[in-house]
Amino acid sequence: PWCGPCKQMLPALETLQANNPSLVIGKVNCDEAQELAQSFGVRAIPTLVLLKKGHVVGTRVGAQSLDSLTKFITG
């Protein structure tokens, strides 16, 4: 709730979700879920973790543009 870059990226994530209805986007408050963040190796926020069938297939750190997010999920 306090992360400026996270808030900045929210419209791009919403557009990405709207354009890819099968995509599931989850947000985690690292202050409230520290163990989960540690399990994914989160050291900075925002950190994006791409999972496919429960396995990590990619990670990005820092605010991303819609174009960058689209390339991230399409590989």
Protein backbone atom coordinates (compact mmCIF):
# COMPACT_ATOMS: atom_id res chain seq x y z
CA PRO A 1 0.00 0.00 0.00
CA TRP A 2 2.93 2.41 0.46
CA CYS A 3 5.14 1.38 -2.51
CA GLY A 4 5.11 4.16 -5.12
CA PRO A 5 6.47 2.04 -8.01
CA CYS A 6 3.93 -0.68 -7.18
CA LYS A 7 1.08 1.83 -7.37
CA GLN A 8 2.53 3.26 -10.59
CA MET A 9 2.50 -0.18 -12.21
CA LEU A 10 -1.09 -1.04 -11.20
CA PRO A 11 -2.80 0.34 -14.37
CA ALA A 12 -0.43 -1.68 -16.58
CA LEU A 13 -1.18 -4.84 -14.58
CA GLU A 14 -4.92 -4.20 -14.87
CA THR A 15 -4.62 -3.75 -18.64
CA LEU A 16 -2.48 -6.88 -18.89
CA GLN A 17 -5.14 -8.83 -16.99
CA ALA A 18 -7.92 -7.44 -19.20
CA ASN A 19 -6.00 -8.42 -22.35
CA ASN A 20 -5.16 -11.91 -21.03
CA PRO A 21 -8.22 -13.29 -19.21
CA SER A 22 -6.55 -16.65 -18.46
CA LEU A 23 -3.73 -14.86 -16.63
CA VAL A 24 -3.99 -14.75 -12.85
CA ILE A 25 -2.33 -11.74 -11.23
CA GLY A 26 -1.86 -11.75 -7.49
CA LYS A 27 -0.48 -9.01 -5.30
CA VAL A 28 1.32 -9.68 -2.03
CA ASN A 29 2.02 -7.19 0.73
CA CYS A 30 5.57 -8.15 1.69
CA ASP A 31 5.17 -6.53 5.11
CA GLU A 32 2.30 -8.89 5.89
CA ALA A 33 3.65 -11.99 4.11
CA GLN A 34 7.36 -11.90 4.86
CA GLU A 35 7.80 -15.69 4.75
CA LEU A 36 6.20 -15.88 1.32
CA ALA A 37 8.37 -13.05 0.04
CA GLN A 38 11.48 -14.77 1.40
CA SER A 39 10.49 -18.07 -0.21
CA PHE A 40 10.56 -16.33 -3.61
CA GLY A 41 13.80 -14.48 -2.86
CA VAL A 42 12.20 -11.02 -2.85
CA ARG A 43 14.83 -8.48 -1.84
CA ALA A 44 13.31 -5.35 -3.40
CA ILE A 45 9.86 -4.20 -4.41
CA PRO A 46 8.22 -4.36 -6.74
CA THR A 47 9.28 -7.87 -7.66
CA LEU A 48 7.27 -9.77 -10.24
CA VAL A 49 7.40 -13.56 -10.23
CA LEU A 50 6.01 -15.43 -13.22
CA LEU A 51 4.71 -18.90 -12.41
CA LYS A 52 3.62 -21.58 -14.83
CA LYS A 53 2.03 -24.72 -13.41
CA GLY A 54 3.37 -23.79 -9.99
CA HIS A 55 6.99 -23.32 -11.10
CA VAL A 56 8.89 -20.04 -11.31
CA VAL A 57 9.70 -19.33 -14.95
CA GLY A 58 10.77 -15.70 -14.62
CA THR A 59 11.42 -12.82 -12.25
CA ARG A 60 11.62 -9.05 -12.77
CA VAL A 61 12.53 -6.39 -10.23
CA GLY A 62 11.37 -2.79 -10.47
CA ALA A 63 8.41 -1.07 -12.06
CA GLN A 64 7.61 -2.37 -15.54
CA SER A 65 5.76 -0.81 -18.47
CA LEU A 66 2.83 -2.56 -20.14
CA ASP A 67 5.11 -3.42 -23.08
CA SER A 68 7.70 -4.92 -20.76
CA LEU A 69 5.07 -6.90 -18.87
CA THR A 70 3.60 -8.23 -22.10
CA LYS A 71 7.03 -9.40 -23.26
CA PHE A 72 7.64 -10.91 -19.81
CA ILE A 73 4.55 -13.14 -19.95
CA THR A 74 4.90 -14.10 -23.60
CA GLY A 75 8.56 -15.00 -23.23
